[in-house]
Amino acid sequence: MPDDLSSDALPPVPVQFTASPRDAAALEKLAAQVRADLERINLPPPAWVLPAESADADTPVLDVLVAGAGMCGQTAAFALRKEGVTHIRVIDRAARGDEGPWGTYARMLTLRSPKQVGGPELGVPSLSFRAWYEAQHGIEGWAALHKIGRIDWRDYLLWVRDTVGLPVDNGVALRSVSHSDDGRLLAVELTDPQGRRETVRTRQLVLALGRDGSGAPRWPSFPSLRRDDPHAAGRVFHSADAIDFAALAGKRIGVLGAGASAFDNAACALEAGAAEVVLFARRPQLPQVNKSKAASSHGFLRGFEGLDDARKWRVYTYIFDEQVPPPWETVRRCDAHAAFTLLLGTPWLDVAPDAQGVEVSTPNGGSERFDAVIFGTGFDVDLLDRPEIARYTPLVDTWAQHVLPEEAQRYPEPARFPYLGAGFELRGRTGVASSTEAEALSRMRLFNWGATMSHGALAGDIPGLAIGATRLAHAIARDLFVEDADRHWARLLEHDEPELIATRWYAPDKRS
């Protein structure tokens, strides 16, 4: 460590974070205040979207289907409600409380973002996390809080949802998407918890399917590792898997990765009593500076979408190359255990599970034996991995079509990101998608990590969430209005509400 930073000057080692019991009475009182505040600013406004015109009048058409009720999906739905778009449905395949990563595979103790961060409240002060926390712990409790606990954040999101009245159909999964003959309606196949199939029609579809919703967990390729190998079951995990850490007590565990998820999973194994945890990183040193912090100002988040392609490409290939350091809290959480070892500059060359454990090959002919291994290698972006929109993936425009071939080859993952329109809509690839297919794609809005190359970090990172959800809702509202412009014109002509009827200047309309 630097000469001027002694161990006594370091912040204390984080301890296991346990959410305190919820003060139901305090939260209900705050919820009543939120509803009063929303009423004072006339939210939500009256619904204005005209019912969709359809040849099948017996089957209602949604204005918007939001697939995914995690942080991004529910905030998008709230933003739509704030714009008067109310004929929407929100679904999530997970049970209540398991939407998003917070109660499942996210294993950090606290969020990375500072506690002052906002987003899901969309500018309503009484709906903010700070208001939620202070209602239960007081101003002093807020002052003493270091960062937001992961489970607190999950419970806060559920409280926001309930307070603003966002119904969510849990246990309902998006299976496939198709479109009408003119591309102006989407037919979405869903399944419920009993496996029953349902097809709903919608004018707009928001794909808020989470971090893996535009790809899949990244599994490095190794000569001896097959995902379907029976020896891998219970021995080879990705950090996004459901892992029984208690079963790892007394075991020797190997972890691959240098980011937050790798350290978080290593810490969970150590805290569960693992005999030894060895974390391997390809880099000779951990990333030291979080460059994405410099891309989180309001100016950057609002303005990035307006940059030309070359500047967008330059920004995020640089940020991805630099990588994000693991939070110091989770690094020290691991370092607090004598059973933890970090091996820098030591990639894995092969991973071979067998009946007794896992053999990991390292450079210079080395090898290590583990009882189990965990890949903390994050998520890849590749729409070809998403079965829900499988019929459209060959048609989707990607960044590979907008940069030089050598750039796409140099940065293969950024090149696979979808090239989105100004309202997060998917675009059809020129010369590949028909006009009808392009029309259908324009009604699918990708609101997750896959939007990053086109819009910046507006659909996944908390600091940009409110800007992203508002931009999405504005775009959908605009398109719904433009599509029905002639019908709105007819309503304008039919509008007949005399303003002066209570005065002596009232003049009845003689045209009637």
Protein backbone atom coordinates (compact mmCIF):
# COMPACT_ATOMS: atom_id res chain seq x y z
CA MET A 1 0.00 0.00 0.00
CA PRO A 2 1.18 3.62 -0.39
CA ASP A 3 3.58 4.83 2.29
CA ASP A 4 1.08 7.39 3.58
CA LEU A 5 -1.75 4.88 4.03
CA SER A 6 -1.31 2.72 7.09
CA SER A 7 -3.53 -0.23 7.90
CA ASP A 8 -5.00 1.80 10.77
CA ALA A 9 -6.26 4.37 8.26
CA LEU A 10 -8.23 1.86 6.20
CA PRO A 11 -12.00 1.64 6.67
CA PRO A 12 -13.14 -1.33 8.76
CA VAL A 13 -13.57 -4.68 7.08
CA PRO A 14 -17.22 -5.03 6.05
CA VAL A 15 -19.19 -7.56 8.04
CA GLN A 16 -22.13 -9.65 6.93
CA PHE A 17 -25.02 -7.32 6.20
CA THR A 18 -28.38 -8.34 7.60
CA ALA A 19 -31.48 -6.38 6.73
CA SER A 20 -33.32 -5.17 9.82
CA PRO A 21 -37.00 -6.04 10.34
CA ARG A 22 -39.29 -3.79 8.35
CA ASP A 23 -41.33 -1.14 10.17
CA ALA A 24 -44.66 -1.82 8.44
CA ALA A 25 -46.50 1.05 10.12
CA ALA A 26 -43.81 3.59 9.19
CA LEU A 27 -43.76 2.38 5.59
CA GLU A 28 -47.53 2.52 5.26
CA LYS A 29 -47.49 6.08 6.58
CA LEU A 30 -44.83 6.98 4.01
CA ALA A 31 -46.81 5.24 1.25
CA ALA A 32 -49.82 7.40 2.10
CA GLN A 33 -47.60 10.48 1.79
CA VAL A 34 -46.34 9.26 -1.61
CA ARG A 35 -49.89 8.84 -2.90
CA ALA A 36 -50.79 12.32 -1.68
CA ASP A 37 -47.68 13.76 -3.32
CA LEU A 38 -48.50 12.05 -6.62
CA GLU A 39 -52.02 13.42 -6.48
CA ARG A 40 -50.69 16.93 -5.86
CA ILE A 41 -48.70 16.81 -9.08
CA ASN A 42 -51.53 15.09 -10.98
CA LEU A 43 -49.84 11.73 -11.43
CA PRO A 44 -50.72 9.59 -13.11
CA PRO A 45 -52.40 11.81 -15.71
CA PRO A 46 -55.61 10.71 -17.44
CA ALA A 47 -55.18 7.87 -19.91
CA TRP A 48 -55.13 9.19 -23.48
CA VAL A 49 -54.01 6.31 -25.71
CA LEU A 50 -56.79 5.23 -28.08
CA PRO A 51 -57.70 1.53 -28.18
CA ALA A 52 -55.79 -0.28 -30.88
CA GLU A 53 -57.62 -0.88 -34.13
CA SER A 54 -57.73 -4.58 -34.88
CA ALA A 55 -59.62 -6.93 -37.14
CA ASP A 56 -60.09 -9.25 -34.17
CA ALA A 57 -62.22 -7.10 -31.89
CA ASP A 58 -62.76 -9.98 -29.45
CA THR A 59 -59.08 -10.09 -28.47
CA PRO A 60 -57.93 -6.95 -26.64
CA VAL A 61 -54.61 -5.43 -27.64
CA LEU A 62 -52.20 -4.08 -25.04
CA ASP A 63 -50.49 -0.78 -25.64
CA VAL A 64 -47.31 -2.08 -23.99
CA LEU A 65 -46.19 -5.41 -22.62
CA VAL A 66 -43.22 -5.08 -20.25
CA ALA A 67 -41.33 -8.37 -20.06
CA GLY A 68 -39.32 -8.33 -16.85
CA ALA A 69 -40.27 -6.77 -13.51
CA GLY A 70 -36.86 -6.21 -12.04
CA MET A 71 -35.45 -2.76 -11.41
CA CYS A 72 -35.48 -1.75 -15.10
CA GLY A 73 -38.84 -3.28 -15.97
CA GLN A 74 -40.78 -1.85 -13.06
CA THR A 75 -39.21 1.61 -13.48
CA ALA A 76 -40.09 1.55 -17.18
CA ALA A 77 -43.69 0.63 -16.29
CA PHE A 78 -43.86 3.45 -13.72
CA ALA A 79 -42.49 5.91 -16.30
CA LEU A 80 -45.18 4.81 -18.78
CA ARG A 81 -47.86 5.35 -16.15
CA LYS A 82 -46.49 8.84 -15.54
CA GLU A 83 -47.01 9.54 -19.26
CA GLY A 84 -50.63 8.41 -19.18
CA VAL A 85 -49.93 5.10 -20.93
CA THR A 86 -51.97 2.78 -18.74
CA HIS A 87 -53.12 -0.17 -20.85
CA ILE A 88 -49.97 -2.11 -20.03
CA ARG A 89 -49.09 -5.47 -18.54
CA VAL A 90 -45.94 -6.35 -16.61
CA ILE A 91 -44.75 -9.96 -16.36
CA ASP A 92 -41.83 -11.75 -14.77
CA ARG A 93 -40.93 -15.43 -14.83
CA ALA A 94 -39.63 -15.30 -11.26
CA ALA A 95 -41.58 -15.36 -8.02
CA ARG A 96 -42.19 -12.10 -6.19
CA GLY A 97 -38.95 -10.94 -4.60
CA ASP A 98 -36.79 -12.94 -7.00
CA GLU A 99 -37.10 -10.51 -9.90
CA GLY A 100 -33.65 -9.31 -10.88
CA PRO A 101 -30.46 -10.41 -9.14
CA TRP A 102 -30.93 -8.87 -5.69
CA GLY A 103 -32.44 -11.88 -3.93
CA THR A 104 -30.82 -14.53 -6.10
CA TYR A 105 -27.37 -14.54 -7.67
CA ALA A 106 -26.19 -11.07 -6.57
CA ARG A 107 -24.00 -11.92 -3.59
CA MET A 108 -22.50 -8.59 -2.61
CA LEU A 109 -23.36 -7.17 0.81
CA THR A 110 -24.04 -3.65 -0.46
CA LEU A 111 -24.58 -1.88 -3.76
CA ARG A 112 -21.58 -0.38 -5.50
CA SER A 113 -23.37 2.95 -6.06
CA PRO A 114 -23.30 5.64 -3.36
CA LYS A 115 -26.31 5.69 -1.06
CA GLN A 116 -27.56 9.01 -2.49
CA VAL A 117 -28.26 7.39 -5.85
CA GLY A 118 -31.77 7.75 -7.23
CA GLY A 119 -33.71 6.19 -10.03
CA PRO A 120 -36.78 4.06 -9.30
CA GLU A 121 -38.57 7.02 -7.66
CA LEU A 122 -38.45 9.02 -10.94
CA GLY A 123 -38.02 12.33 -9.15
CA VAL A 124 -40.68 11.91 -6.45
CA PRO A 125 -38.81 12.69 -3.18
CA SER A 126 -41.11 10.75 -0.84
CA LEU A 127 -40.65 7.68 -3.06
CA SER A 128 -36.84 7.72 -2.83
CA PHE A 129 -34.71 5.12 -1.08
CA ARG A 130 -33.60 7.78 1.40
CA ALA A 131 -37.22 8.48 2.38
CA TRP A 132 -37.86 4.73 2.69
CA TYR A 133 -34.78 4.24 4.88
CA GLU A 134 -35.32 7.30 7.06
CA ALA A 135 -38.93 6.30 7.70
CA GLN A 136 -37.58 3.20 9.45
CA HIS A 137 -34.23 4.32 10.84
CA GLY A 138 -34.47 8.10 11.17
CA ILE A 139 -32.13 10.79 9.92
CA GLU A 140 -29.40 9.49 12.23
CA GLY A 141 -29.70 6.03 10.70
CA TRP A 142 -29.33 7.48 7.23
CA ALA A 143 -26.26 9.46 8.28
CA ALA A 144 -24.67 6.29 9.68
CA LEU A 145 -25.40 4.19 6.58
CA HIS A 146 -22.30 3.41 4.50
CA LYS A 147 -23.94 2.01 1.37
CA ILE A 148 -27.31 0.50 0.53
CA GLY A 149 -27.68 -3.14 1.51
CA ARG A 150 -28.54 -5.49 -1.32
CA ILE A 151 -31.62 -6.96 0.40
CA ASP A 152 -32.72 -3.48 1.47
CA TRP A 153 -32.63 -2.47 -2.18
CA ARG A 154 -34.75 -5.45 -3.18
CA ASP A 155 -37.32 -4.71 -0.49
CA TYR A 156 -37.34 -1.03 -1.40
CA LEU A 157 -38.09 -1.87 -5.04
CA LEU A 158 -41.02 -4.04 -3.97
CA TRP A 159 -42.33 -1.22 -1.77
CA VAL A 160 -42.11 1.24 -4.68
CA ARG A 161 -44.04 -1.17 -6.88
CA ASP A 162 -46.79 -1.65 -4.32
CA THR A 163 -46.98 2.04 -3.42
CA VAL A 164 -47.50 3.28 -6.98
CA GLY A 165 -49.82 0.37 -7.78
CA LEU A 166 -47.89 -1.53 -10.43
CA PRO A 167 -49.44 -5.00 -10.75
CA VAL A 168 -46.98 -7.70 -11.81
CA ASP A 169 -47.87 -11.15 -13.11
CA ASN A 170 -45.21 -13.27 -11.47
CA GLY A 171 -44.40 -16.74 -12.73
CA VAL A 172 -45.30 -15.72 -16.30
CA ALA A 173 -42.53 -16.23 -18.83
CA LEU A 174 -42.05 -14.76 -22.30
CA ARG A 175 -41.57 -17.62 -24.76
CA SER A 176 -41.70 -16.24 -28.27
CA VAL A 177 -42.62 -13.23 -30.38
CA SER A 178 -44.15 -12.97 -33.84
CA HIS A 179 -45.95 -10.21 -35.72
CA SER A 180 -49.05 -9.44 -37.78
CA ASP A 181 -49.05 -9.24 -41.56
CA ASP A 182 -48.30 -5.51 -41.50
CA GLY A 183 -45.87 -5.69 -38.58
CA ARG A 184 -47.92 -3.26 -36.50
CA LEU A 185 -48.99 -5.76 -33.84
CA LEU A 186 -46.84 -8.23 -31.95
CA ALA A 187 -48.14 -11.63 -30.88
CA VAL A 188 -46.35 -12.71 -27.72
CA GLU A 189 -46.54 -16.24 -26.40
CA LEU A 190 -46.46 -16.57 -22.61
CA THR A 191 -46.53 -19.49 -20.19
CA ASP A 192 -47.86 -19.41 -16.63
CA PRO A 193 -46.56 -21.34 -13.59
CA GLN A 194 -48.67 -24.35 -14.58
CA GLY A 195 -47.15 -24.38 -18.06
CA ARG A 196 -50.33 -23.18 -19.75
CA ARG A 197 -49.74 -21.17 -22.90
CA GLU A 198 -51.28 -17.80 -23.63
CA THR A 199 -50.88 -15.49 -26.61
CA VAL A 200 -51.30 -11.76 -26.05
CA ARG A 201 -51.20 -9.02 -28.65
CA THR A 202 -49.43 -5.76 -28.01
CA ARG A 203 -48.44 -2.63 -29.92
CA GLN A 204 -45.14 -2.26 -28.08
CA LEU A 205 -42.89 -4.73 -26.26
CA VAL A 206 -40.30 -3.70 -23.67
CA LEU A 207 -37.63 -6.37 -23.25
CA ALA A 208 -36.40 -5.72 -19.70
CA LEU A 209 -35.06 -9.23 -19.22
CA GLY A 210 -32.13 -8.40 -16.97
CA ARG A 211 -28.36 -8.54 -17.31
CA ASP A 212 -28.53 -11.74 -19.34
CA GLY A 213 -31.58 -10.57 -21.30
CA SER A 214 -29.52 -9.69 -24.37
CA GLY A 215 -27.18 -12.66 -24.16
CA ALA A 216 -26.26 -15.29 -21.62
CA PRO A 217 -23.77 -16.02 -18.83
CA ARG A 218 -20.26 -16.06 -20.27
CA TRP A 219 -18.70 -19.54 -20.10
CA PRO A 220 -15.08 -19.61 -21.28
CA SER A 221 -14.29 -22.45 -23.65
CA PHE A 222 -11.96 -25.19 -22.39
CA PRO A 223 -10.92 -28.42 -24.17
CA SER A 224 -12.06 -30.75 -21.39
CA LEU A 225 -15.19 -28.94 -20.19
CA ARG A 226 -18.64 -29.74 -21.50
CA ARG A 227 -21.66 -28.14 -19.90
CA ASP A 228 -23.58 -31.42 -20.11
CA ASP A 229 -20.80 -33.48 -18.50
CA PRO A 230 -22.43 -35.28 -15.53
CA HIS A 231 -19.23 -34.77 -13.52
CA ALA A 232 -19.70 -30.99 -13.84
CA ALA A 233 -23.00 -31.06 -11.96
CA GLY A 234 -22.43 -29.80 -8.43
CA ARG A 235 -18.76 -29.08 -9.19
CA VAL A 236 -18.71 -26.45 -11.94
CA PHE A 237 -20.75 -23.27 -11.45
CA HIS A 238 -21.24 -19.88 -12.98
CA SER A 239 -21.68 -16.99 -10.56
CA ALA A 240 -25.24 -16.57 -11.91
CA ASP A 241 -26.16 -20.12 -10.84
CA ALA A 242 -28.03 -21.05 -7.70
CA ILE A 243 -25.18 -22.27 -5.50
CA ASP A 244 -25.56 -24.08 -2.17
CA PHE A 245 -22.59 -22.48 -0.42
CA ALA A 246 -23.22 -24.47 2.75
CA ALA A 247 -22.34 -27.59 0.75
CA LEU A 248 -18.91 -26.07 0.06
CA ALA A 249 -17.93 -26.02 3.75
CA GLY A 250 -14.59 -27.72 4.26
CA LYS A 251 -13.94 -27.84 0.52
CA ARG A 252 -11.22 -26.36 -1.67
CA ILE A 253 -12.76 -23.93 -4.17
CA GLY A 254 -11.30 -22.31 -7.28
CA VAL A 255 -12.76 -19.08 -8.67
CA LEU A 256 -11.97 -17.53 -12.06
CA GLY A 257 -12.37 -13.79 -12.60
CA ALA A 258 -11.19 -10.39 -11.44
CA GLY A 259 -14.49 -8.56 -11.12
CA ALA A 260 -17.08 -8.02 -8.43
CA SER A 261 -18.97 -11.28 -9.00
CA ALA A 262 -15.80 -13.37 -8.69
CA PHE A 263 -14.88 -11.76 -5.37
CA ASP A 264 -18.47 -11.87 -4.10
CA ASN A 265 -18.73 -15.60 -4.74
CA ALA A 266 -15.31 -16.22 -3.23
CA ALA A 267 -16.43 -14.32 -0.11
CA CYS A 268 -19.65 -16.34 0.14
CA ALA A 269 -17.70 -19.59 -0.03
CA LEU A 270 -15.27 -18.39 2.65
CA GLU A 271 -18.08 -17.23 4.92
CA ALA A 272 -19.78 -20.61 4.48
CA GLY A 273 -16.69 -22.35 5.82
CA ALA A 274 -14.72 -23.35 2.72
CA ALA A 275 -11.32 -24.73 3.70
CA GLU A 276 -9.58 -22.69 1.01
CA VAL A 277 -10.60 -20.39 -1.83
CA VAL A 278 -8.15 -19.54 -4.59
CA LEU A 279 -9.15 -16.76 -7.00
CA PHE A 280 -7.36 -16.69 -10.37
CA ALA A 281 -7.09 -13.60 -12.57
CA ARG A 282 -5.60 -13.39 -16.04
CA ARG A 283 -4.41 -9.82 -15.49
CA PRO A 284 -1.08 -9.14 -13.78
CA GLN A 285 -2.86 -6.65 -11.52
CA LEU A 286 -6.45 -5.86 -10.66
CA PRO A 287 -8.06 -2.93 -12.46
CA GLN A 288 -7.54 0.14 -10.30
CA VAL A 289 -9.83 2.87 -11.69
CA ASN A 290 -13.54 2.63 -12.45
CA LYS A 291 -13.61 4.57 -15.72
CA SER A 292 -17.39 4.22 -15.98
CA LYS A 293 -17.73 6.67 -13.07
CA ALA A 294 -16.59 9.40 -15.44
CA ALA A 295 -19.43 8.37 -17.77
CA SER A 296 -22.19 8.73 -15.17
CA SER A 297 -22.79 12.49 -15.08
CA HIS A 298 -26.20 13.73 -16.16
CA GLY A 299 -24.62 15.39 -19.16
CA PHE A 300 -22.97 12.16 -20.25
CA LEU A 301 -26.05 10.05 -19.62
CA ARG A 302 -28.37 12.45 -21.43
CA GLY A 303 -25.99 13.31 -24.24
CA PHE A 304 -24.28 10.05 -25.12
CA GLU A 305 -27.08 8.88 -27.43
CA GLY A 306 -26.56 12.01 -29.53
CA LEU A 307 -22.92 11.25 -30.28
CA ASP A 308 -21.85 9.94 -33.67
CA ASP A 309 -21.06 6.23 -33.96
CA ALA A 310 -17.29 6.71 -33.93
CA ARG A 311 -17.35 8.54 -30.60
CA LYS A 312 -19.76 6.05 -29.04
CA TRP A 313 -17.55 3.17 -30.16
CA ARG A 314 -14.43 4.90 -28.83
CA VAL A 315 -15.96 5.51 -25.39
CA TYR A 316 -17.23 2.05 -24.61
CA THR A 317 -14.51 -0.04 -26.19
CA TYR A 318 -12.15 1.96 -23.98
CA ILE A 319 -14.27 1.44 -20.84
CA PHE A 320 -14.65 -2.28 -21.57
CA ASP A 321 -10.91 -2.61 -22.18
CA GLU A 322 -10.03 -0.88 -18.92
CA GLN A 323 -12.56 -3.02 -17.02
CA VAL A 324 -14.13 -2.17 -13.68
CA PRO A 325 -12.24 -2.91 -10.46
CA PRO A 326 -14.02 -4.94 -7.82
CA PRO A 327 -15.35 -2.76 -4.98
CA TRP A 328 -12.85 -2.35 -2.17
CA GLU A 329 -15.50 -3.61 0.27
CA THR A 330 -15.76 -7.00 -1.37
CA VAL A 331 -11.98 -7.33 -1.83
CA ARG A 332 -11.43 -6.72 1.88
CA ARG A 333 -14.30 -9.08 2.64
CA CYS A 334 -12.18 -11.81 1.04
CA ASP A 335 -8.87 -10.63 2.46
CA ALA A 336 -10.31 -10.92 5.98
CA HIS A 337 -9.99 -14.71 5.63
CA ALA A 338 -6.64 -16.47 5.97
CA ALA A 339 -8.01 -19.17 3.65
CA PHE A 340 -8.17 -16.75 0.71
CA THR A 341 -5.49 -16.58 -1.99
CA LEU A 342 -5.40 -14.34 -5.05
CA LEU A 343 -3.24 -15.49 -7.97
CA LEU A 344 -2.72 -12.68 -10.49
CA GLY A 345 -1.40 -13.31 -13.99
CA THR A 346 -2.61 -16.90 -13.79
CA PRO A 347 -5.25 -17.78 -16.38
CA TRP A 348 -6.94 -21.15 -16.65
CA LEU A 349 -5.93 -23.21 -19.68
CA ASP A 350 -8.25 -26.14 -19.09
CA VAL A 351 -10.95 -27.28 -16.68
CA ALA A 352 -11.59 -31.03 -16.34
CA PRO A 353 -14.23 -32.26 -13.87
CA ASP A 354 -14.12 -35.88 -12.77
CA ALA A 355 -15.72 -38.10 -10.16
CA GLN A 356 -13.57 -36.66 -7.36
CA GLY A 357 -13.41 -32.98 -8.21
CA VAL A 358 -12.04 -30.59 -10.82
CA GLU A 359 -8.56 -30.39 -12.34
CA VAL A 360 -7.56 -26.88 -13.44
CA SER A 361 -4.57 -26.47 -15.75
CA THR A 362 -2.50 -23.31 -15.45
CA PRO A 363 0.50 -21.93 -17.41
CA ASN A 364 3.93 -23.55 -17.36
CA GLY A 365 2.49 -27.03 -16.93
CA GLY A 366 0.94 -26.30 -13.56
CA SER A 367 -2.34 -27.71 -12.30
CA GLU A 368 -4.60 -27.37 -9.26
CA ARG A 369 -7.16 -29.75 -7.76
CA PHE A 370 -10.43 -28.35 -6.43
CA ASP A 371 -13.61 -29.80 -5.05
CA ALA A 372 -15.57 -27.22 -7.06
CA VAL A 373 -14.95 -24.21 -9.27
CA ILE A 374 -16.93 -21.02 -9.92
CA PHE A 375 -16.73 -18.90 -13.07
CA GLY A 376 -17.05 -15.24 -12.13
CA THR A 377 -16.82 -14.29 -15.79
CA GLY A 378 -19.93 -12.15 -16.22
CA PHE A 379 -22.37 -12.08 -19.12
CA ASP A 380 -21.93 -11.94 -22.86
CA VAL A 381 -24.07 -9.89 -25.23
CA ASP A 382 -25.31 -11.95 -28.15
CA LEU A 383 -28.97 -11.86 -29.13
CA LEU A 384 -28.50 -15.26 -30.78
CA ASP A 385 -28.59 -16.65 -27.24
CA ARG A 386 -32.09 -15.29 -26.59
CA PRO A 387 -34.73 -17.88 -27.56
CA GLU A 388 -37.58 -15.41 -27.02
CA ILE A 389 -36.79 -13.48 -30.19
CA ALA A 390 -34.99 -16.25 -32.05
CA ARG A 391 -36.86 -15.69 -35.30
CA TYR A 392 -35.64 -12.08 -35.42
CA THR A 393 -32.02 -12.34 -34.33
CA PRO A 394 -30.57 -12.79 -37.85
CA LEU A 395 -32.45 -9.64 -38.85
CA VAL A 396 -31.32 -7.35 -36.00
CA ASP A 397 -28.89 -4.56 -36.78
CA THR A 398 -25.74 -4.74 -34.64
CA TRP A 399 -22.74 -2.54 -34.10
CA ALA A 400 -20.68 -4.82 -36.34
CA GLN A 401 -22.52 -3.24 -39.28
CA HIS A 402 -21.50 0.29 -38.25
CA VAL A 403 -17.76 0.00 -37.64
CA LEU A 404 -14.86 -1.08 -39.83
CA PRO A 405 -14.42 -4.86 -40.12
CA GLU A 406 -11.06 -4.71 -38.37
CA GLU A 407 -12.65 -2.88 -35.44
CA ALA A 408 -15.41 -5.50 -35.19
CA GLN A 409 -12.74 -8.22 -35.21
CA ARG A 410 -10.67 -6.43 -32.59
CA TYR A 411 -13.67 -5.90 -30.28
CA PRO A 412 -16.01 -8.84 -30.96
CA GLU A 413 -18.30 -8.36 -27.96
CA PRO A 414 -19.06 -4.64 -28.50
CA ALA A 415 -19.65 -5.52 -32.17
CA ARG A 416 -22.42 -7.94 -31.12
CA PHE A 417 -24.37 -5.27 -29.23
CA PRO A 418 -27.63 -4.37 -30.98
CA TYR A 419 -27.60 -1.02 -32.79
CA LEU A 420 -30.65 0.64 -31.25
CA GLY A 421 -32.76 3.59 -32.29
CA ALA A 422 -33.31 6.72 -30.23
CA GLY A 423 -36.15 5.10 -28.26
CA PHE A 424 -34.27 1.84 -27.50
CA GLU A 425 -36.00 0.13 -30.42
CA LEU A 426 -34.38 -2.72 -32.31
CA ARG A 427 -33.57 -1.94 -35.92
CA GLY A 428 -33.73 -4.23 -38.92
CA ARG A 429 -30.50 -4.90 -40.74
CA THR A 430 -30.44 -3.10 -44.09
CA GLY A 431 -30.89 -5.49 -46.98
CA VAL A 432 -31.76 -8.38 -44.66
CA ALA A 433 -34.97 -7.45 -42.83
CA SER A 434 -38.08 -6.80 -44.90
CA SER A 435 -40.06 -3.61 -44.32
CA THR A 436 -42.64 -5.59 -42.35
CA GLU A 437 -39.97 -7.23 -40.20
CA ALA A 438 -38.29 -3.87 -39.62
CA GLU A 439 -41.66 -2.46 -38.54
CA ALA A 440 -42.12 -5.28 -36.05
CA LEU A 441 -38.57 -4.88 -34.70
CA SER A 442 -39.15 -1.15 -34.17
CA ARG A 443 -41.87 -2.08 -31.67
CA MET A 444 -39.45 -4.10 -29.53
CA ARG A 445 -37.52 -1.95 -27.06
CA LEU A 446 -34.41 -3.41 -25.46
CA PHE A 447 -34.13 -1.96 -21.96
CA ASN A 448 -31.20 -3.74 -20.34
CA TRP A 449 -27.42 -3.99 -20.59
CA GLY A 450 -27.66 -4.55 -24.35
CA ALA A 451 -28.58 -0.87 -24.77
CA THR A 452 -25.22 0.35 -23.49
CA MET A 453 -23.33 0.80 -26.77
CA SER A 454 -26.18 2.88 -28.21
CA HIS A 455 -27.43 4.81 -25.16
CA GLY A 456 -24.79 4.53 -22.44
CA ALA A 457 -25.48 2.97 -19.05
CA LEU A 458 -29.19 3.86 -18.88
CA ALA A 459 -30.71 0.40 -18.52
CA GLY A 460 -28.91 -1.48 -15.79
CA ASP A 461 -26.72 0.88 -13.79
CA ILE A 462 -28.77 2.73 -11.17
CA PRO A 463 -27.44 6.29 -11.83
CA GLY A 464 -28.82 6.30 -15.38
CA LEU A 465 -32.06 4.46 -14.68
CA ALA A 466 -34.42 7.44 -14.36
CA ILE A 467 -33.04 9.07 -17.50
CA GLY A 468 -33.33 5.81 -19.41
CA ALA A 469 -36.85 4.91 -18.25
CA THR A 470 -38.10 8.42 -18.96
CA ARG A 471 -36.53 8.41 -22.44
CA LEU A 472 -38.12 5.04 -23.14
CA ALA A 473 -41.56 6.15 -21.95
CA HIS A 474 -41.38 9.39 -23.94
CA ALA A 475 -40.47 7.48 -27.10
CA ILE A 476 -43.30 4.98 -26.69
CA ALA A 477 -45.84 7.72 -25.94
CA ARG A 478 -44.71 9.67 -28.99
CA ASP A 479 -44.93 6.66 -31.30
CA LEU A 480 -48.35 5.64 -29.99
CA PHE A 481 -49.63 9.16 -30.62
CA VAL A 482 -48.09 9.50 -34.09
CA GLU A 483 -49.49 6.14 -35.13
CA ASP A 484 -53.00 7.33 -34.19
CA ALA A 485 -52.56 10.96 -35.33
CA ASP A 486 -55.58 10.93 -37.65
CA ARG A 487 -57.78 9.44 -34.94
CA HIS A 488 -56.60 12.10 -32.49
CA TRP A 489 -57.42 14.72 -35.13
CA ALA A 490 -60.94 13.33 -35.34
CA ARG A 491 -61.26 13.56 -31.56
CA LEU A 492 -60.05 17.14 -31.71
CA LEU A 493 -62.78 17.98 -34.21
CA GLU A 494 -65.42 16.26 -32.08
CA HIS A 495 -64.36 17.97 -28.85
CA ASP A 496 -67.27 20.10 -27.64
CA GLU A 497 -66.96 21.39 -24.09
CA PRO A 498 -68.11 25.03 -23.85
CA GLU A 499 -65.99 27.11 -21.51
CA LEU A 500 -68.29 30.15 -21.15
CA ILE A 501 -71.56 28.40 -20.40
CA ALA A 502 -71.74 30.01 -16.94
CA THR A 503 -71.39 33.56 -18.29
CA ARG A 504 -73.64 35.95 -20.23
CA TRP A 505 -71.24 35.63 -23.14
CA TYR A 506 -72.08 32.01 -23.79
CA ALA A 507 -73.10 31.45 -27.43
CA PRO A 508 -74.49 28.03 -28.29
CA ASP A 509 -72.86 26.28 -31.22
CA LYS A 510 -75.28 26.92 -34.10
CA ARG A 511 -73.56 24.30 -36.26
CA SER A 512 -75.26 21.47 -34.42
